[in-house]
């Protein structure tokens, strides 16, 4: 009888301690944050917070903390892509190909303006992809894997018809290349920017997208900042030529979406670029 009481007491203490640990993941303060970004980032904040709360209720505090970090980034207007699969170490070989294809398709849609044309569906697709990736990495809750995957596929399907209407035949993207670890526009780059401006005047598109990229030589954080500086440099040059500020949309992808895929810490000239493309 005494042994039973001791075990009951220990069990009760473990439940109390588990509850206390759950409180360490502060979801409420992030949920109450006011977003300073665009519509896409506002939905990202809401969806990542909801996902963090769900993981918190499962006592998966590592996942909850990760998604809360992404929710904070979105609330403060920061741009960031779907999580790279390389950051997850326990993805089975069978799931890797499907997840890689899904991420590639999603990043192409985001890069081509889905976050601007259909922000709610685009944000939901990104969050559900990250959810699917995390659930597959954890691989202890089949329902989470199935639910996140289904959520991603449903949101992604909503992007396609809208984006097909938004994209119309226009000149292929103009590519401005940069020297290693530099955001300075050289002579050849300026020629491309002037060509883009000439076609802007000819076709009169509604939006000019300027997307910055880097190779994988530096750290991920450094490359994100460098891609932003490159996009800003090209955008400023276009505005000086006469493109209105309100027509320009910028994106900084860092080392994501490489033209020539490389391993980490590799210098590759083809990946050090800014793409300029038009949308109606």
Protein backbone atom coordinates (compact mmCIF):
# COMPACT_ATOMS: atom_id res chain seq x y z
CA UNK A 1 0.00 0.00 0.00
CA UNK A 2 2.78 2.42 0.92
CA UNK A 3 4.63 1.53 -2.28
CA UNK A 4 1.49 2.36 -4.27
CA UNK A 5 1.21 5.77 -2.58
CA UNK A 6 4.87 6.52 -3.31
CA UNK A 7 4.45 5.68 -6.98
CA UNK A 8 1.27 7.78 -7.17
CA UNK A 9 3.07 10.71 -5.60
CA UNK A 10 5.98 10.42 -8.02
CA UNK A 11 3.58 10.25 -10.95
CA UNK A 12 1.73 13.33 -9.75
CA UNK A 13 4.98 15.25 -9.34
CA UNK A 14 6.05 14.30 -12.88
CA UNK A 15 2.78 15.62 -14.28
CA UNK A 16 3.19 18.89 -12.38
CA UNK A 17 6.77 19.25 -13.58
CA UNK A 18 5.71 18.49 -17.14
CA UNK A 19 3.07 21.21 -16.89
CA UNK A 20 5.67 23.66 -15.64
CA UNK A 21 8.00 22.85 -18.51
CA UNK A 22 5.12 23.51 -20.91
CA UNK A 23 4.76 27.00 -19.52
CA UNK A 24 8.37 27.76 -20.51
CA UNK A 25 7.22 28.02 -24.13
CA UNK A 26 5.50 31.41 -24.07
CA UNK A 27 3.02 31.26 -26.94
CA UNK A 28 0.76 34.05 -25.64
CA UNK A 29 3.24 36.91 -26.02
CA UNK A 30 3.99 35.94 -29.63
CA UNK A 31 0.29 35.50 -30.41
CA UNK A 32 -0.38 39.06 -29.21
CA UNK A 33 2.39 40.63 -31.31
CA UNK A 34 1.29 43.24 -33.83
CA UNK A 35 2.64 42.52 -37.28
CA UNK A 36 4.61 45.23 -39.05
CA UNK A 37 5.07 43.38 -42.34
CA UNK A 38 2.86 42.79 -45.37
CA UNK A 39 -0.24 40.60 -45.74
CA UNK A 40 1.83 37.47 -46.42
CA UNK A 41 3.93 37.98 -43.29
CA UNK A 42 0.83 38.71 -41.22
CA UNK A 43 -0.68 35.33 -42.14
CA UNK A 44 2.70 33.63 -41.59
CA UNK A 45 2.72 35.04 -38.05
CA UNK A 46 -0.77 33.74 -37.34
CA UNK A 47 -0.20 30.29 -38.84
CA UNK A 48 3.23 29.69 -37.28
CA UNK A 49 1.83 30.74 -33.89
CA UNK A 50 -1.08 28.30 -34.23
CA UNK A 51 1.33 25.54 -35.14
CA UNK A 52 3.56 26.39 -32.17
CA UNK A 53 0.56 26.19 -29.84
CA UNK A 54 -0.39 22.78 -31.26
CA UNK A 55 3.12 21.43 -30.72
CA UNK A 56 3.19 22.91 -27.23
CA UNK A 57 0.04 20.96 -26.36
CA UNK A 58 1.82 17.81 -27.54
CA UNK A 59 4.74 18.65 -25.17
CA UNK A 60 6.97 19.00 -28.22
CA UNK A 61 8.70 22.09 -26.88
CA UNK A 62 11.60 22.02 -29.33
CA UNK A 63 9.23 22.24 -32.29
CA UNK A 64 7.04 24.80 -30.52
CA UNK A 65 10.05 27.03 -29.86
CA UNK A 66 11.18 26.75 -33.47
CA UNK A 67 7.80 27.74 -34.91
CA UNK A 68 7.47 30.61 -32.43
CA UNK A 69 10.82 31.93 -33.65
CA UNK A 70 9.48 31.93 -37.20
CA UNK A 71 6.27 33.62 -36.03
CA UNK A 72 8.32 36.43 -34.43
CA UNK A 73 10.36 36.88 -37.60
CA UNK A 74 7.19 37.18 -39.67
CA UNK A 75 5.59 39.62 -37.22
CA UNK A 76 8.59 41.94 -37.49
CA UNK A 77 8.49 41.94 -41.30
CA UNK A 78 11.46 39.68 -41.99
CA UNK A 79 11.68 37.67 -45.20
CA UNK A 80 12.65 34.01 -44.94
CA UNK A 81 12.03 30.92 -47.09
CA UNK A 82 10.51 27.55 -46.20
CA UNK A 83 12.91 25.61 -44.00
CA UNK A 84 15.72 23.94 -45.98
CA UNK A 85 15.55 20.16 -45.69
CA UNK A 86 19.28 20.08 -44.86
CA UNK A 87 18.46 21.56 -41.45
CA UNK A 88 16.51 18.41 -40.57
CA UNK A 89 18.78 15.42 -39.92
CA UNK A 90 16.33 12.53 -39.56
CA UNK A 91 14.37 12.60 -42.81
CA UNK A 92 14.08 9.10 -44.24
CA UNK A 93 15.39 8.42 -47.73
CA UNK A 94 11.86 7.60 -48.90
CA UNK A 95 10.49 10.98 -47.81
CA UNK A 96 13.38 13.14 -49.02
CA UNK A 97 12.52 13.14 -52.72
CA UNK A 98 8.89 14.09 -52.14
CA UNK A 99 9.75 16.85 -49.67
CA UNK A 100 12.48 18.22 -51.94
CA UNK A 101 10.10 18.38 -54.90
CA UNK A 102 7.41 20.07 -52.78
CA UNK A 103 9.86 22.69 -51.53
CA UNK A 104 11.20 23.39 -55.00
CA UNK A 105 7.69 23.89 -56.39
CA UNK A 106 6.71 26.11 -53.47
CA UNK A 107 9.80 28.32 -53.64
CA UNK A 108 9.26 28.80 -57.38
CA UNK A 109 5.71 29.96 -56.73
CA UNK A 110 6.84 32.31 -53.95
CA UNK A 111 9.65 33.62 -56.13
CA UNK A 112 7.19 34.25 -58.96
CA UNK A 113 4.94 36.41 -56.78
CA UNK A 114 2.52 34.06 -55.05
CA UNK A 115 3.12 35.78 -51.69
CA UNK A 116 1.88 39.01 -53.24
CA UNK A 117 -0.96 37.70 -55.42
CA UNK A 118 -2.38 35.14 -52.95
CA UNK A 119 -0.82 35.93 -49.55
CA UNK A 120 -3.13 33.80 -47.38
CA UNK A 121 -2.72 30.62 -49.42
CA UNK A 122 1.02 31.22 -49.93
CA UNK A 123 1.61 31.69 -46.20
CA UNK A 124 -0.48 28.63 -45.34
CA UNK A 125 1.50 26.57 -47.87
CA UNK A 126 4.83 27.64 -46.39
CA UNK A 127 3.78 26.93 -42.81
CA UNK A 128 2.27 23.57 -43.72
CA UNK A 129 5.44 22.61 -45.60
CA UNK A 130 7.53 23.43 -42.51
CA UNK A 131 4.99 21.50 -40.43
CA UNK A 132 5.28 18.49 -42.75
CA UNK A 133 9.08 18.65 -42.67
CA UNK A 134 9.17 18.82 -38.85
CA UNK A 135 6.64 16.01 -38.46
CA UNK A 136 8.57 13.81 -40.88
CA UNK A 137 11.80 14.55 -39.02
CA UNK A 138 10.16 13.66 -35.68
CA UNK A 139 8.46 10.63 -37.26
CA UNK A 140 6.58 9.61 -34.10
CA UNK A 141 3.12 10.92 -34.98
CA UNK A 142 1.79 9.61 -38.33
CA UNK A 143 -1.31 11.81 -38.00
CA UNK A 144 0.88 14.92 -37.89
CA UNK A 145 2.72 13.89 -41.04
CA UNK A 146 -0.52 13.18 -42.90
CA UNK A 147 -2.25 16.31 -41.63
CA UNK A 148 0.60 18.67 -42.46
CA UNK A 149 1.08 17.15 -45.89
CA UNK A 150 -2.64 17.44 -46.67
CA UNK A 151 -2.62 21.05 -45.45
CA UNK A 152 0.32 21.86 -47.70
CA UNK A 153 -1.23 20.24 -50.77
CA UNK A 154 -4.55 22.03 -50.24
CA UNK A 155 -2.90 25.46 -49.84
CA UNK A 156 -0.48 24.89 -52.72
CA UNK A 157 -3.34 23.93 -55.05
CA UNK A 158 -4.92 27.34 -54.38
CA UNK A 159 -1.81 29.11 -55.69
CA UNK A 160 -1.72 27.65 -59.16
CA UNK A 161 -4.86 29.00 -60.91
CA UNK A 162 -4.36 32.51 -59.55
CA UNK A 163 -0.69 32.61 -60.47
CA UNK A 164 -1.36 31.36 -63.99
CA UNK A 165 -3.66 34.32 -64.51
CA UNK A 166 -1.14 36.72 -63.03
CA UNK A 167 1.80 35.58 -65.16
CA UNK A 168 1.57 36.78 -68.78
CA UNK A 169 4.01 36.62 -71.69
CA UNK A 170 6.68 39.20 -70.95
CA UNK A 171 10.45 39.35 -71.50
CA UNK A 172 12.49 36.66 -69.80
CA UNK A 173 14.19 37.75 -66.55
CA UNK A 174 17.18 40.05 -66.78
CA UNK A 175 20.08 38.71 -64.72
CA UNK A 176 22.61 41.00 -63.04
CA UNK A 177 25.72 39.20 -61.78
CA UNK A 178 27.96 40.28 -58.92
CA UNK A 179 31.52 39.74 -57.77
CA UNK A 180 32.12 37.53 -54.75
CA UNK A 181 30.83 39.04 -51.48
CA UNK A 182 29.89 42.28 -53.27
CA UNK A 183 26.70 44.24 -53.90
CA UNK A 184 28.38 46.69 -56.28
CA UNK A 185 26.89 46.85 -59.79
CA UNK A 186 29.53 46.61 -62.50
CA UNK A 187 29.38 47.86 -66.09
CA UNK A 188 27.79 44.73 -67.54
CA UNK A 189 25.25 44.70 -64.75
CA UNK A 190 24.26 48.29 -65.48
CA UNK A 191 23.72 47.38 -69.14
CA UNK A 192 21.24 44.69 -68.05
CA UNK A 193 19.45 47.13 -65.75
CA UNK A 194 19.10 49.66 -68.58
CA UNK A 195 17.75 46.92 -70.86
CA UNK A 196 15.22 46.00 -68.18
CA UNK A 197 14.19 49.65 -67.88
CA UNK A 198 13.75 49.93 -71.66
CA UNK A 199 11.42 46.92 -71.63
CA UNK A 200 9.62 48.33 -68.60
CA UNK A 201 8.75 51.40 -70.65
CA UNK A 202 7.76 49.24 -73.62
CA UNK A 203 5.56 46.69 -71.82
CA UNK A 204 4.38 48.86 -68.90
CA UNK A 205 4.05 45.96 -66.41
CA UNK A 206 2.25 46.48 -63.13
CA UNK A 207 5.14 45.20 -61.05
CA UNK A 208 8.88 44.79 -61.35
CA UNK A 209 10.24 42.00 -59.18
CA UNK A 210 13.86 42.24 -58.03
CA UNK A 211 15.15 39.07 -56.39
CA UNK A 212 18.60 38.85 -54.78
CA UNK A 213 20.64 35.65 -54.57
CA UNK A 214 24.11 34.55 -53.42
CA UNK A 215 26.35 31.54 -53.66
CA UNK A 216 26.94 29.36 -50.59
CA UNK A 217 30.40 30.67 -49.68
CA UNK A 218 29.44 32.65 -46.56
CA UNK A 219 27.17 31.82 -43.64
CA UNK A 220 23.41 31.62 -44.25
CA UNK A 221 22.79 34.80 -42.24
CA UNK A 222 25.51 36.68 -44.12
CA UNK A 223 24.14 35.51 -47.45
CA UNK A 224 20.61 36.59 -46.64
CA UNK A 225 21.89 40.07 -45.82
CA UNK A 226 24.08 40.15 -48.94
CA UNK A 227 21.17 39.14 -51.18
CA UNK A 228 19.13 41.97 -49.66
CA UNK A 229 21.91 44.49 -50.37
CA UNK A 230 22.14 43.28 -53.97
CA UNK A 231 18.38 43.53 -54.48
CA UNK A 232 18.39 47.02 -52.97
CA UNK A 233 21.25 48.11 -55.25
CA UNK A 234 19.42 46.98 -58.39
CA UNK A 235 16.10 48.40 -57.21
CA UNK A 236 17.73 51.77 -56.52
CA UNK A 237 19.32 51.78 -59.98
CA UNK A 238 15.94 51.07 -61.59
CA UNK A 239 14.32 53.87 -59.61
CA UNK A 240 17.06 56.30 -60.65
CA UNK A 241 16.29 55.44 -64.27
CA UNK A 242 12.58 56.11 -63.76
CA UNK A 243 10.78 53.02 -62.43
CA UNK A 244 8.37 54.18 -59.70
CA UNK A 245 9.16 52.95 -56.20
CA UNK A 246 5.64 51.58 -55.76
CA UNK A 247 6.07 49.34 -58.84
CA UNK A 248 9.12 47.54 -57.43
CA UNK A 249 8.83 44.45 -55.27
CA UNK A 250 11.96 43.01 -53.68
CA UNK A 251 12.92 39.59 -52.37
CA UNK A 252 16.15 38.34 -50.81
CA UNK A 253 16.69 34.60 -51.09
CA UNK A 254 20.24 34.28 -49.81
CA UNK A 255 21.76 31.03 -51.01
CA UNK A 256 18.36 29.41 -51.64
CA UNK A 257 17.24 28.62 -55.23
CA UNK A 258 20.68 28.30 -56.76
CA UNK A 259 20.94 28.19 -60.54
CA UNK A 260 23.93 25.88 -60.22
CA UNK A 261 23.47 23.77 -57.06
CA UNK A 262 26.63 23.44 -54.98
CA UNK A 263 27.70 22.16 -51.61
CA UNK A 264 28.01 24.55 -48.67
CA UNK A 265 30.88 27.10 -48.63
CA UNK A 266 31.34 27.00 -52.41
CA UNK A 267 31.95 30.10 -54.54
CA UNK A 268 29.91 30.01 -57.76
CA UNK A 269 29.57 33.02 -60.08
CA UNK A 270 26.25 31.90 -61.61
CA UNK A 271 24.57 31.99 -58.18
CA UNK A 272 25.73 35.54 -57.33
CA UNK A 273 22.89 37.33 -59.05
CA UNK A 274 19.82 39.52 -59.01
CA UNK A 275 16.88 38.59 -61.26
CA UNK A 276 14.60 41.28 -62.66
CA UNK A 277 11.26 40.13 -64.04
CA UNK A 278 7.88 41.67 -64.79
CA UNK A 279 4.30 40.88 -63.80
CA UNK A 280 1.01 42.40 -64.88
